Amino acid sequence: MNERDETALGRVVEFPERLPERQVFDAEIVEDDHLPVLARQRDLAHARWRAYRASAATVVHTTRTAATHERTRTASKAVLRHALYVLAGALTRQSSPAGPGASTTAGGAPSAASAGIQ
């Protein structure tokens, strides 16, 4: 590299190994003309939170109304009844003493035909 290339790139400044100890303040300078803007932002934030609370209350109210409506309750009872019938049928078939496919009498005892008696 020649002298001309070094000046074109700029001067290299070496920083010291350790910077001097200084107290650091975390602050922002606020001019008087910025205060109405900050107050407006705070008012907008409060309005947003009021809207969030109102929408949450609407969701709770709508969910409660739907869950307690007569048609919803009737439909949920029918679905539950159907599921319990299926579950009861599966449990009854597994706990049958003669095994699946065996016919039983009214008292639950195996019939003569399924027991192999003629």
PDB file of N, CA and C in Angstrom:
ATOM      1  N   MET A   1       0.835  -1.180   0.000  1.00  0.00           N
ATOM      2  CA  MET A   1       0.000   0.000   0.000  1.00  0.00           C
ATOM      3  C   MET A   1       0.881   1.244   0.000  1.00  0.00           C
ATOM      4  N   ASN A   2       0.444   2.198  -0.685  1.00  0.00           N
ATOM      5  CA  ASN A   2       1.205   3.434  -0.688  1.00  0.00           C
ATOM      6  C   ASN A   2       0.530   4.486   0.194  1.00  0.00           C
ATOM      7  N   GLU A   3       1.135   5.622   0.286  1.00  0.00           N
ATOM      8  CA  GLU A   3       0.654   6.710   1.144  1.00  0.00           C
ATOM      9  C   GLU A   3      -0.740   7.172   0.744  1.00  0.00           C
ATOM     10  N   ARG A   4      -1.024   7.183  -0.522  1.00  0.00           N
ATOM     11  CA  ARG A   4      -2.299   7.681  -1.016  1.00  0.00           C
ATOM     12  C   ARG A   4      -3.458   6.766  -0.588  1.00  0.00           C
ATOM     13  N   ASP A   5      -3.265   5.432  -0.612  1.00  0.00           N
ATOM     14  CA  ASP A   5      -4.311   4.488  -0.223  1.00  0.00           C
ATOM     15  C   ASP A   5      -4.644   4.606   1.263  1.00  0.00           C
ATOM     16  N   GLU A   6      -3.664   4.846   2.107  1.00  0.00           N
ATOM     17  CA  GLU A   6      -3.905   4.959   3.536  1.00  0.00           C
ATOM     18  C   GLU A   6      -4.757   6.176   3.869  1.00  0.00           C
ATOM     19  N   THR A   7      -4.546   7.282   3.199  1.00  0.00           N
ATOM     20  CA  THR A   7      -5.350   8.472   3.471  1.00  0.00           C
ATOM     21  C   THR A   7      -6.749   8.334   2.897  1.00  0.00           C
ATOM     22  N   ALA A   8      -6.930   7.556   1.858  1.00  0.00           N
ATOM     23  CA  ALA A   8      -8.254   7.368   1.274  1.00  0.00           C
ATOM     24  C   ALA A   8      -9.155   6.552   2.206  1.00  0.00           C
ATOM     25  N   LEU A   9      -8.571   5.616   2.951  1.00  0.00           N
ATOM     26  CA  LEU A   9      -9.363   4.779   3.851  1.00  0.00           C
ATOM     27  C   LEU A   9      -9.687   5.479   5.162  1.00  0.00           C
ATOM     28  N   GLY A  10      -8.897   6.413   5.570  1.00  0.00           N
ATOM     29  CA  GLY A  10      -9.146   7.104   6.815  1.00  0.00           C
ATOM     30  C   GLY A  10      -8.060   6.819   7.819  1.00  0.00           C
ATOM     31  N   ARG A  11      -8.097   7.541   8.894  1.00  0.00           N
ATOM     32  CA  ARG A  11      -7.089   7.415   9.928  1.00  0.00           C
ATOM     33  C   ARG A  11      -7.515   6.357  10.940  1.00  0.00           C
ATOM     34  N   VAL A  12      -6.626   5.496  11.338  1.00  0.00           N
ATOM     35  CA  VAL A  12      -6.908   4.443  12.304  1.00  0.00           C
ATOM     36  C   VAL A  12      -6.628   4.990  13.700  1.00  0.00           C
ATOM     37  N   VAL A  13      -7.613   4.881  14.579  1.00  0.00           N
ATOM     38  CA  VAL A  13      -7.462   5.361  15.953  1.00  0.00           C
ATOM     39  C   VAL A  13      -7.521   4.160  16.875  1.00  0.00           C
ATOM     40  N   GLU A  14      -6.531   3.979  17.681  1.00  0.00           N
ATOM     41  CA  GLU A  14      -6.482   2.876  18.635  1.00  0.00           C
ATOM     42  C   GLU A  14      -7.208   3.293  19.907  1.00  0.00           C
ATOM     43  N   PHE A  15      -8.090   2.438  20.378  1.00  0.00           N
ATOM     44  CA  PHE A  15      -8.795   2.708  21.624  1.00  0.00           C
ATOM     45  C   PHE A  15      -7.991   2.126  22.783  1.00  0.00           C
ATOM     46  N   PRO A  16      -8.072   2.782  23.942  1.00  0.00           N
ATOM     47  CA  PRO A  16      -7.349   2.230  25.084  1.00  0.00           C
ATOM     48  C   PRO A  16      -7.950   0.892  25.499  1.00  0.00           C
ATOM     49  N   GLU A  17      -7.171   0.085  26.163  1.00  0.00           N
ATOM     50  CA  GLU A  17      -7.619  -1.242  26.606  1.00  0.00           C
ATOM     51  C   GLU A  17      -8.836  -1.149  27.521  1.00  0.00           C
ATOM     52  N   ARG A  18      -8.800  -0.185  28.421  1.00  0.00           N
ATOM     53  CA  ARG A  18      -9.872  -0.065  29.403  1.00  0.00           C
ATOM     54  C   ARG A  18     -10.394   1.366  29.405  1.00  0.00           C
ATOM     55  N   LEU A  19     -11.686   1.512  29.320  1.00  0.00           N
ATOM     56  CA  LEU A  19     -12.285   2.838  29.343  1.00  0.00           C
ATOM     57  C   LEU A  19     -12.334   3.351  30.776  1.00  0.00           C
ATOM     58  N   PRO A  20     -12.256   4.647  30.976  1.00  0.00           N
ATOM     59  CA  PRO A  20     -12.320   5.176  32.339  1.00  0.00           C
ATOM     60  C   PRO A  20     -13.697   4.925  32.960  1.00  0.00           C
ATOM     61  N   GLU A  21     -13.734   4.735  34.253  1.00  0.00           N
ATOM     62  CA  GLU A  21     -14.990   4.488  34.965  1.00  0.00           C
ATOM     63  C   GLU A  21     -15.835   5.751  34.962  1.00  0.00           C
ATOM     64  N   ARG A  22     -17.086   5.620  34.536  1.00  0.00           N
ATOM     65  CA  ARG A  22     -18.008   6.748  34.523  1.00  0.00           C
ATOM     66  C   ARG A  22     -19.362   6.260  35.006  1.00  0.00           C
ATOM     67  N   GLN A  23     -20.089   7.147  35.620  1.00  0.00           N
ATOM     68  CA  GLN A  23     -21.436   6.801  36.075  1.00  0.00           C
ATOM     69  C   GLN A  23     -22.395   6.997  34.902  1.00  0.00           C
ATOM     70  N   VAL A  24     -23.237   6.019  34.681  1.00  0.00           N
ATOM     71  CA  VAL A  24     -24.142   6.050  33.542  1.00  0.00           C
ATOM     72  C   VAL A  24     -25.559   6.311  34.045  1.00  0.00           C
ATOM     73  N   PHE A  25     -26.232   7.250  33.421  1.00  0.00           N
ATOM     74  CA  PHE A  25     -27.618   7.558  33.749  1.00  0.00           C
ATOM     75  C   PHE A  25     -28.484   7.076  32.600  1.00  0.00           C
ATOM     76  N   ASP A  26     -29.579   6.437  32.934  1.00  0.00           N
ATOM     77  CA  ASP A  26     -30.532   6.009  31.918  1.00  0.00           C
ATOM     78  C   ASP A  26     -31.692   6.993  31.963  1.00  0.00           C
ATOM     79  N   ALA A  27     -31.708   7.919  31.054  1.00  0.00           N
ATOM     80  CA  ALA A  27     -32.735   8.950  31.066  1.00  0.00           C
ATOM     81  C   ALA A  27     -32.989   9.427  29.646  1.00  0.00           C
ATOM     82  N   GLU A  28     -34.072  10.145  29.515  1.00  0.00           N
ATOM     83  CA  GLU A  28     -34.417  10.701  28.225  1.00  0.00           C
ATOM     84  C   GLU A  28     -34.786  12.163  28.442  1.00  0.00           C
ATOM     85  N   ILE A  29     -34.274  13.014  27.623  1.00  0.00           N
ATOM     86  CA  ILE A  29     -34.588  14.431  27.736  1.00  0.00           C
ATOM     87  C   ILE A  29     -35.922  14.668  27.051  1.00  0.00           C
ATOM     88  N   VAL A  30     -36.844  15.223  27.804  1.00  0.00           N
ATOM     89  CA  VAL A  30     -38.187  15.465  27.281  1.00  0.00           C
ATOM     90  C   VAL A  30     -38.410  16.967  27.239  1.00  0.00           C
ATOM     91  N   GLU A  31     -38.739  17.436  26.076  1.00  0.00           N
ATOM     92  CA  GLU A  31     -39.033  18.856  25.894  1.00  0.00           C
ATOM     93  C   GLU A  31     -40.475  19.109  26.306  1.00  0.00           C
ATOM     94  N   ASP A  32     -40.800  20.346  26.585  1.00  0.00           N
ATOM     95  CA  ASP A  32     -42.163  20.702  26.978  1.00  0.00           C
ATOM     96  C   ASP A  32     -43.176  20.422  25.880  1.00  0.00           C
ATOM     97  N   ASP A  33     -42.776  20.525  24.637  1.00  0.00           N
ATOM     98  CA  ASP A  33     -43.716  20.278  23.544  1.00  0.00           C
ATOM     99  C   ASP A  33     -44.006  18.783  23.357  1.00  0.00           C
ATOM    100  N   HIS A  34     -43.225  17.887  23.982  1.00  0.00           N
ATOM    101  CA  HIS A  34     -43.469  16.447  23.897  1.00  0.00           C
ATOM    102  C   HIS A  34     -44.476  15.973  24.945  1.00  0.00           C
ATOM    103  N   LEU A  35     -44.730  16.731  25.965  1.00  0.00           N
ATOM    104  CA  LEU A  35     -45.630  16.290  27.045  1.00  0.00           C
ATOM    105  C   LEU A  35     -47.046  15.997  26.567  1.00  0.00           C
ATOM    106  N   PRO A  36     -47.667  16.826  25.718  1.00  0.00           N
ATOM    107  CA  PRO A  36     -49.011  16.463  25.233  1.00  0.00           C
ATOM    108  C   PRO A  36     -49.016  15.160  24.443  1.00  0.00           C
ATOM    109  N   VAL A  37     -47.938  14.889  23.711  1.00  0.00           N
ATOM    110  CA  VAL A  37     -47.853  13.645  22.938  1.00  0.00           C
ATOM    111  C   VAL A  37     -47.814  12.450  23.888  1.00  0.00           C
ATOM    112  N   LEU A  38     -47.007  12.544  24.948  1.00  0.00           N
ATOM    113  CA  LEU A  38     -46.916  11.449  25.915  1.00  0.00           C
ATOM    114  C   LEU A  38     -48.236  11.243  26.638  1.00  0.00           C
ATOM    115  N   ALA A  39     -48.913  12.341  26.979  1.00  0.00           N
ATOM    116  CA  ALA A  39     -50.219  12.223  27.635  1.00  0.00           C
ATOM    117  C   ALA A  39     -51.228  11.563  26.693  1.00  0.00           C
ATOM    118  N   ARG A  40     -51.177  11.910  25.425  1.00  0.00           N
ATOM    119  CA  ARG A  40     -52.078  11.309  24.434  1.00  0.00           C
ATOM    120  C   ARG A  40     -51.803   9.812  24.305  1.00  0.00           C
ATOM    121  N   GLN A  41     -50.536   9.424  24.289  1.00  0.00           N
ATOM    122  CA  GLN A  41     -50.206   7.999  24.207  1.00  0.00           C
ATOM    123  C   GLN A  41     -50.716   7.255  25.439  1.00  0.00           C
ATOM    124  N   ARG A  42     -50.596   7.861  26.609  1.00  0.00           N
ATOM    125  CA  ARG A  42     -51.093   7.229  27.828  1.00  0.00           C
ATOM    126  C   ARG A  42     -52.608   7.070  27.764  1.00  0.00           C
ATOM    127  N   ASP A  43     -53.318   8.098  27.270  1.00  0.00           N
ATOM    128  CA  ASP A  43     -54.776   8.003  27.139  1.00  0.00           C
ATOM    129  C   ASP A  43     -55.175   6.914  26.145  1.00  0.00           C
ATOM    130  N   LEU A  44     -54.422   6.799  25.057  1.00  0.00           N
ATOM    131  CA  LEU A  44     -54.715   5.741  24.083  1.00  0.00           C
ATOM    132  C   LEU A  44     -54.480   4.358  24.686  1.00  0.00           C
ATOM    133  N   ALA A  45     -53.441   4.217  25.501  1.00  0.00           N
ATOM    134  CA  ALA A  45     -53.174   2.933  26.151  1.00  0.00           C
ATOM    135  C   ALA A  45     -54.310   2.566  27.104  1.00  0.00           C
ATOM    136  N   HIS A  46     -54.816   3.537  27.857  1.00  0.00           N
ATOM    137  CA  HIS A  46     -55.946   3.268  28.759  1.00  0.00           C
ATOM    138  C   HIS A  46     -57.187   2.864  27.964  1.00  0.00           C
ATOM    139  N   ALA A  47     -57.418   3.510  26.844  1.00  0.00           N
ATOM    140  CA  ALA A  47     -58.564   3.156  26.004  1.00  0.00           C
ATOM    141  C   ALA A  47     -58.432   1.742  25.458  1.00  0.00           C
ATOM    142  N   ARG A  48     -57.202   1.352  25.061  1.00  0.00           N
ATOM    143  CA  ARG A  48     -56.994  -0.020  24.586  1.00  0.00           C
ATOM    144  C   ARG A  48     -57.308  -1.030  25.666  1.00  0.00           C
ATOM    145  N   TRP A  49     -56.847  -0.779  26.894  1.00  0.00           N
ATOM    146  CA  TRP A  49     -57.103  -1.724  27.987  1.00  0.00           C
ATOM    147  C   TRP A  49     -58.583  -1.817  28.312  1.00  0.00           C
ATOM    148  N   ARG A  50     -59.311  -0.693  28.224  1.00  0.00           N
ATOM    149  CA  ARG A  50     -60.769  -0.750  28.446  1.00  0.00           C
ATOM    150  C   ARG A  50     -61.422  -1.622  27.368  1.00  0.00           C
ATOM    151  N   ALA A  51     -60.965  -1.503  26.131  1.00  0.00           N
ATOM    152  CA  ALA A  51     -61.520  -2.316  25.039  1.00  0.00           C
ATOM    153  C   ALA A  51     -61.190  -3.791  25.242  1.00  0.00           C
ATOM    154  N   TYR A  52     -59.970  -4.094  25.718  1.00  0.00           N
ATOM    155  CA  TYR A  52     -59.609  -5.492  25.981  1.00  0.00           C
ATOM    156  C   TYR A  52     -60.527  -6.082  27.048  1.00  0.00           C
ATOM    157  N   ARG A  53     -60.753  -5.328  28.116  1.00  0.00           N
ATOM    158  CA  ARG A  53     -61.627  -5.833  29.182  1.00  0.00           C
ATOM    159  C   ARG A  53     -63.048  -6.029  28.678  1.00  0.00           C
ATOM    160  N   ALA A  54     -63.549  -5.109  27.854  1.00  0.00           N
ATOM    161  CA  ALA A  54     -64.899  -5.225  27.319  1.00  0.00           C
ATOM    162  C   ALA A  54     -65.024  -6.439  26.400  1.00  0.00           C
ATOM    163  N   SER A  55     -64.012  -6.697  25.567  1.00  0.00           N
ATOM    164  CA  SER A  55     -64.091  -7.850  24.672  1.00  0.00           C
ATOM    165  C   SER A  55     -63.992  -9.154  25.457  1.00  0.00           C
ATOM    166  N   ALA A  56     -63.199  -9.196  26.524  1.00  0.00           N
ATOM    167  CA  ALA A  56     -63.135 -10.399  27.351  1.00  0.00           C
ATOM    168  C   ALA A  56     -64.470 -10.653  28.034  1.00  0.00           C
ATOM    169  N   ALA A  57     -65.107  -9.605  28.502  1.00  0.00           N
ATOM    170  CA  ALA A  57     -66.425  -9.758  29.130  1.00  0.00           C
ATOM    171  C   ALA A  57     -67.452 -10.249  28.118  1.00  0.00           C
ATOM    172  N   THR A  58     -67.351  -9.788  26.877  1.00  0.00           N
ATOM    173  CA  THR A  58     -68.273 -10.237  25.832  1.00  0.00           C
ATOM    174  C   THR A  58     -68.079 -11.721  25.545  1.00  0.00           C
ATOM    175  N   VAL A  59     -66.843 -12.173  25.491  1.00  0.00           N
ATOM    176  CA  VAL A  59     -66.569 -13.595  25.249  1.00  0.00           C
ATOM    177  C   VAL A  59     -67.143 -14.450  26.378  1.00  0.00           C
ATOM    178  N   VAL A  60     -66.945 -14.029  27.611  1.00  0.00           N
ATOM    179  CA  VAL A  60     -67.469 -14.785  28.755  1.00  0.00           C
ATOM    180  C   VAL A  60     -68.995 -14.809  28.718  1.00  0.00           C
ATOM    181  N   HIS A  61     -69.609 -13.680  28.452  1.00  0.00           N
ATOM    182  CA  HIS A  61     -71.069 -13.605  28.412  1.00  0.00           C
ATOM    183  C   HIS A  61     -71.630 -14.492  27.305  1.00  0.00           C
ATOM    184  N   THR A  62     -71.029 -14.442  26.113  1.00  0.00           N
ATOM    185  CA  THR A  62     -71.506 -15.251  24.985  1.00  0.00           C
ATOM    186  C   THR A  62     -71.319 -16.741  25.259  1.00  0.00           C
ATOM    187  N   THR A  63     -70.192 -17.122  25.836  1.00  0.00           N
ATOM    188  CA  THR A  63     -69.948 -18.530  26.156  1.00  0.00           C
ATOM    189  C   THR A  63     -70.950 -19.032  27.184  1.00  0.00           C
ATOM    190  N   ARG A  64     -71.198 -18.239  28.215  1.00  0.00           N
ATOM    191  CA  ARG A  64     -72.156 -18.637  29.248  1.00  0.00           C
ATOM    192  C   ARG A  64     -73.563 -18.768  28.655  1.00  0.00           C
ATOM    193  N   THR A  65     -73.948 -17.844  27.785  1.00  0.00           N
ATOM    194  CA  THR A  65     -75.270 -17.899  27.160  1.00  0.00           C
ATOM    195  C   THR A  65     -75.397 -19.141  26.286  1.00  0.00           C
ATOM    196  N   ALA A  66     -74.365 -19.439  25.507  1.00  0.00           N
ATOM    197  CA  ALA A  66     -74.424 -20.612  24.628  1.00  0.00           C
ATOM    198  C   ALA A  66     -74.448 -21.911  25.428  1.00  0.00           C
ATOM    199  N   ALA A  67     -73.681 -21.961  26.505  1.00  0.00           N
ATOM    200  CA  ALA A  67     -73.610 -23.200  27.288  1.00  0.00           C
ATOM    201  C   ALA A  67     -74.893 -23.471  28.049  1.00  0.00           C
ATOM    202  N   THR A  68     -75.618 -22.437  28.417  1.00  0.00           N
ATOM    203  CA  THR A  68     -76.829 -22.636  29.212  1.00  0.00           C
ATOM    204  C   THR A  68     -78.103 -22.554  28.380  1.00  0.00           C
ATOM    205  N   HIS A  69     -77.993 -22.393  27.058  1.00  0.00           N
ATOM    206  CA  HIS A  69     -79.177 -22.330  26.206  1.00  0.00           C
ATOM    207  C   HIS A  69     -79.870 -23.696  26.190  1.00  0.00           C
ATOM    208  N   GLU A  70     -81.192 -23.696  26.089  1.00  0.00           N
ATOM    209  CA  GLU A  70     -81.963 -24.939  26.166  1.00  0.00           C
ATOM    210  C   GLU A  70     -81.584 -25.930  25.060  1.00  0.00           C
ATOM    211  N   ARG A  71     -81.416 -25.453  23.847  1.00  0.00           N
ATOM    212  CA  ARG A  71     -81.065 -26.362  22.744  1.00  0.00           C
ATOM    213  C   ARG A  71     -79.665 -26.937  22.923  1.00  0.00           C
ATOM    214  N   THR A  72     -78.735 -26.128  23.411  1.00  0.00           N
ATOM    215  CA  THR A  72     -77.376 -26.613  23.637  1.00  0.00           C
ATOM    216  C   THR A  72     -77.367 -27.676  24.723  1.00  0.00           C
ATOM    217  N   ARG A  73     -78.114 -27.442  25.781  1.00  0.00           N
ATOM    218  CA  ARG A  73     -78.167 -28.425  26.871  1.00  0.00           C
ATOM    219  C   ARG A  73     -78.819 -29.724  26.405  1.00  0.00           C
ATOM    220  N   THR A  74     -79.885 -29.632  25.603  1.00  0.00           N
ATOM    221  CA  THR A  74     -80.550 -30.828  25.094  1.00  0.00           C
ATOM    222  C   THR A  74     -79.613 -31.627  24.188  1.00  0.00           C
ATOM    223  N   ALA A  75     -78.900 -30.940  23.316  1.00  0.00           N
ATOM    224  CA  ALA A  75     -77.979 -31.627  22.401  1.00  0.00           C
ATOM    225  C   ALA A  75     -76.829 -32.275  23.176  1.00  0.00           C
ATOM    226  N   SER A  76     -76.305 -31.591  24.175  1.00  0.00           N
ATOM    227  CA  SER A  76     -75.196 -32.171  24.938  1.00  0.00           C
ATOM    228  C   SER A  76     -75.663 -33.374  25.750  1.00  0.00           C
ATOM    229  N   LYS A  77     -76.886 -33.356  26.246  1.00  0.00           N
ATOM    230  CA  LYS A  77     -77.423 -34.529  26.962  1.00  0.00           C
ATOM    231  C   LYS A  77     -77.549 -35.720  26.012  1.00  0.00           C
ATOM    232  N   ALA A  78     -78.004 -35.466  24.785  1.00  0.00           N
ATOM    233  CA  ALA A  78     -78.152 -36.554  23.813  1.00  0.00           C
ATOM    234  C   ALA A  78     -76.786 -37.151  23.455  1.00  0.00           C
ATOM    235  N   VAL A  79     -75.789 -36.317  23.264  1.00  0.00           N
ATOM    236  CA  VAL A  79     -74.451 -36.810  22.940  1.00  0.00           C
ATOM    237  C   VAL A  79     -73.888 -37.613  24.101  1.00  0.00           C
ATOM    238  N   LEU A  80     -74.056 -37.139  25.301  1.00  0.00           N
ATOM    239  CA  LEU A  80     -73.569 -37.851  26.486  1.00  0.00           C
ATOM    240  C   LEU A  80     -74.301 -39.187  26.648  1.00  0.00           C
ATOM    241  N   ARG A  81     -75.616 -39.187  26.457  1.00  0.00           N
ATOM    242  CA  ARG A  81     -76.384 -40.429  26.576  1.00  0.00           C
ATOM    243  C   ARG A  81     -75.917 -41.458  25.553  1.00  0.00           C
ATOM    244  N   HIS A  82     -75.686 -41.024  24.314  1.00  0.00           N
ATOM    245  CA  HIS A  82     -75.219 -41.928  23.266  1.00  0.00           C
ATOM    246  C   HIS A  82     -73.847 -42.508  23.633  1.00  0.00           C
ATOM    247  N   ALA A  83     -72.934 -41.652  24.106  1.00  0.00           N
ATOM    248  CA  ALA A  83     -71.604 -42.119  24.472  1.00  0.00           C
ATOM    249  C   ALA A  83     -71.666 -43.114  25.623  1.00  0.00           C
ATOM    250  N   LEU A  84     -72.546 -42.870  26.588  1.00  0.00           N
ATOM    251  CA  LEU A  84     -72.659 -43.800  27.714  1.00  0.00           C
ATOM    252  C   LEU A  84     -73.273 -45.133  27.300  1.00  0.00           C
ATOM    253  N   TYR A  85     -74.239 -45.095  26.368  1.00  0.00           N
ATOM    254  CA  TYR A  85     -74.798 -46.358  25.869  1.00  0.00           C
ATOM    255  C   TYR A  85     -73.716 -47.190  25.183  1.00  0.00           C
ATOM    256  N   VAL A  86     -72.888 -46.563  24.374  1.00  0.00           N
ATOM    257  CA  VAL A  86     -71.814 -47.278  23.686  1.00  0.00           C
ATOM    258  C   VAL A  86     -70.836 -47.850  24.706  1.00  0.00           C
ATOM    259  N   LEU A  87     -70.453 -47.060  25.686  1.00  0.00           N
ATOM    260  CA  LEU A  87     -69.522 -47.502  26.721  1.00  0.00           C
ATOM    261  C   LEU A  87     -70.135 -48.646  27.547  1.00  0.00           C
ATOM    262  N   ALA A  88     -71.395 -48.524  27.923  1.00  0.00           N
ATOM    263  CA  ALA A  88     -72.053 -49.576  28.702  1.00  0.00           C
ATOM    264  C   ALA A  88     -72.149 -50.870  27.896  1.00  0.00           C
ATOM    265  N   GLY A  89     -72.423 -50.773  26.605  1.00  0.00           N
ATOM    266  CA  GLY A  89     -72.482 -51.966  25.765  1.00  0.00           C
ATOM    267  C   GLY A  89     -71.130 -52.655  25.673  1.00  0.00           C
ATOM    268  N   ALA A  90     -70.070 -51.880  25.577  1.00  0.00           N
ATOM    269  CA  ALA A  90     -68.729 -52.467  25.498  1.00  0.00           C
ATOM    270  C   ALA A  90     -68.362 -53.135  26.813  1.00  0.00           C
ATOM    271  N   LEU A  91     -68.704 -52.514  27.932  1.00  0.00           N
ATOM    272  CA  LEU A  91     -68.381 -53.094  29.233  1.00  0.00           C
ATOM    273  C   LEU A  91     -69.215 -54.337  29.511  1.00  0.00           C
ATOM    274  N   THR A  92     -70.468 -54.326  29.096  1.00  0.00           N
ATOM    275  CA  THR A  92     -71.339 -55.485  29.308  1.00  0.00           C
ATOM    276  C   THR A  92     -70.848 -56.680  28.498  1.00  0.00           C
ATOM    277  N   ARG A  93     -70.433 -56.449  27.275  1.00  0.00           N
ATOM    278  CA  ARG A  93     -69.967 -57.532  26.414  1.00  0.00           C
ATOM    279  C   ARG A  93     -68.678 -58.134  26.965  1.00  0.00           C
ATOM    280  N   GLN A  94     -67.762 -57.322  27.520  1.00  0.00           N
ATOM    281  CA  GLN A  94     -66.518 -57.841  28.057  1.00  0.00           C
ATOM    282  C   GLN A  94     -66.738 -58.623  29.347  1.00  0.00           C
ATOM    283  N   SER A  95     -67.703 -58.225  30.148  1.00  0.00           N
ATOM    284  CA  SER A  95     -67.895 -58.870  31.440  1.00  0.00           C
ATOM    285  C   SER A  95     -68.875 -60.037  31.384  1.00  0.00           C
ATOM    286  N   SER A  96     -69.294 -60.433  30.192  1.00  0.00           N
ATOM    287  CA  SER A  96     -70.219 -61.550  30.046  1.00  0.00           C
ATOM    288  C   SER A  96     -69.523 -62.846  30.483  1.00  0.00           C
ATOM    289  N   PRO A  97     -70.144 -63.691  31.361  1.00  0.00           N
ATOM    290  CA  PRO A  97     -69.490 -64.903  31.858  1.00  0.00           C
ATOM    291  C   PRO A  97     -69.293 -65.968  30.789  1.00  0.00           C
ATOM    292  N   ALA A  98     -70.163 -66.043  29.794  1.00  0.00           N
ATOM    293  CA  ALA A  98     -70.061 -67.086  28.784  1.00  0.00           C
ATOM    294  C   ALA A  98     -69.176 -66.657  27.623  1.00  0.00           C
ATOM    295  N   GLY A  99     -68.723 -65.412  27.610  1.00  0.00           N
ATOM    296  CA  GLY A  99     -67.877 -64.936  26.525  1.00  0.00           C
ATOM    297  C   GLY A  99     -68.685 -64.250  25.459  1.00  0.00           C
ATOM    298  N   PRO A 100     -68.032 -63.602  24.558  1.00  0.00           N
ATOM    299  CA  PRO A 100     -68.760 -62.894  23.508  1.00  0.00           C
ATOM    300  C   PRO A 100     -69.448 -63.867  22.568  1.00  0.00           C
ATOM    301  N   GLY A 101     -70.639 -63.509  22.152  1.00  0.00           N
ATOM    302  CA  GLY A 101     -71.372 -64.331  21.197  1.00  0.00           C
ATOM    303  C   GLY A 101     -72.233 -65.392  21.849  1.00  0.00           C
ATOM    304  N   ALA A 102     -72.117 -65.617  23.152  1.00  0.00           N
ATOM    305  CA  ALA A 102     -72.929 -66.633  23.821  1.00  0.00           C
ATOM    306  C   ALA A 102     -74.274 -66.046  24.181  1.00  0.00           C
ATOM    307  N   SER A 103     -75.294 -66.824  23.998  1.00  0.00           N
ATOM    308  CA  SER A 103     -76.624 -66.345  24.367  1.00  0.00           C
ATOM    309  C   SER A 103     -76.892 -66.705  25.819  1.00  0.00           C
ATOM    310  N   THR A 104     -77.613 -65.857  26.498  1.00  0.00           N
ATOM    311  CA  THR A 104     -77.909 -66.092  27.910  1.00  0.00           C
ATOM    312  C   THR A 104     -79.402 -66.046  28.119  1.00  0.00           C
ATOM    313  N   THR A 105     -79.837 -66.592  29.217  1.00  0.00           N
ATOM    314  CA  THR A 105     -81.251 -66.545  29.582  1.00  0.00           C
ATOM    315  C   THR A 105     -81.532 -65.218  30.271  1.00  0.00           C
ATOM    316  N   ALA A 106     -82.761 -64.998  30.670  1.00  0.00           N
ATOM    317  CA  ALA A 106     -83.153 -63.730  31.274  1.00  0.00           C
ATOM    318  C   ALA A 106     -82.403 -63.488  32.577  1.00  0.00           C
ATOM    319  N   GLY A 107     -82.039 -64.519  33.326  1.00  0.00           N
ATOM    320  CA  GLY A 107     -81.342 -64.347  34.586  1.00  0.00           C
ATOM    321  C   GLY A 107     -79.853 -64.152  34.427  1.00  0.00           C
ATOM    322  N   GLY A 108     -79.330 -64.266  33.218  1.00  0.00           N
ATOM    323  CA  GLY A 108     -77.919 -64.060  32.985  1.00  0.00           C
ATOM    324  C   GLY A 108     -77.140 -65.358  32.883  1.00  0.00           C
ATOM    325  N   ALA A 109     -77.786 -66.506  33.152  1.00  0.00           N
ATOM    326  CA  ALA A 109     -77.110 -67.792  33.052  1.00  0.00           C
ATOM    327  C   ALA A 109     -77.050 -68.206  31.582  1.00  0.00           C
ATOM    328  N   PRO A 110     -76.019 -68.961  31.197  1.00  0.00           N
ATOM    329  CA  PRO A 110     -75.938 -69.417  29.811  1.00  0.00           C
ATOM    330  C   PRO A 110     -77.111 -70.337  29.480  1.00  0.00           C
ATOM    331  N   SER A 111     -77.605 -70.194  28.264  1.00  0.00           N
ATOM    332  CA  SER A 111     -78.700 -71.056  27.857  1.00  0.00           C
ATOM    333  C   SER A 111     -78.175 -72.464  27.589  1.00  0.00           C
ATOM    334  N   ALA A 112     -79.077 -73.427  27.510  1.00  0.00           N
ATOM    335  CA  ALA A 112     -78.693 -74.810  27.299  1.00  0.00           C
ATOM    336  C   ALA A 112     -78.027 -74.972  25.941  1.00  0.00           C
ATOM    337  N   ALA A 113     -78.455 -74.214  24.933  1.00  0.00           N
ATOM    338  CA  ALA A 113     -77.883 -74.359  23.595  1.00  0.00           C
ATOM    339  C   ALA A 113     -76.450 -73.853  23.558  1.00  0.00           C
ATOM    340  N   SER A 114     -76.148 -72.767  24.273  1.00  0.00           N
ATOM    341  CA  SER A 114     -74.797 -72.241  24.233  1.00  0.00           C
ATOM    342  C   SER A 114     -73.864 -73.021  25.133  1.00  0.00           C
ATOM    343  N   ALA A 115     -74.407 -73.766  26.116  1.00  0.00           N
ATOM    344  CA  ALA A 115     -73.568 -74.547  27.016  1.00  0.00           C
ATOM    345  C   ALA A 115     -73.223 -75.910  26.415  1.00  0.00           C
ATOM    346  N   GLY A 116     -73.829 -76.261  25.278  1.00  0.00           N
ATOM    347  CA  GLY A 116     -73.540 -77.522  24.633  1.00  0.00           C
ATOM    348  C   GLY A 116     -74.441 -78.644  25.128  1.00  0.00           C
ATOM    349  N   ILE A 117     -75.494 -78.354  25.856  1.00  0.00           N
ATOM    350  CA  ILE A 117     -76.438 -79.383  26.338  1.00  0.00           C
ATOM    351  C   ILE A 117     -77.567 -79.495  25.347  1.00  0.00           C
ATOM    352  N   GLN A 118     -77.931 -80.778  25.058  1.00  0.00           N
ATOM    353  CA  GLN A 118     -79.010 -81.003  24.098  1.00  0.00           C
ATOM    354  C   GLN A 118     -80.234 -81.514  24.738  1.00  0.00           C
TER     355      GLN A 118
END
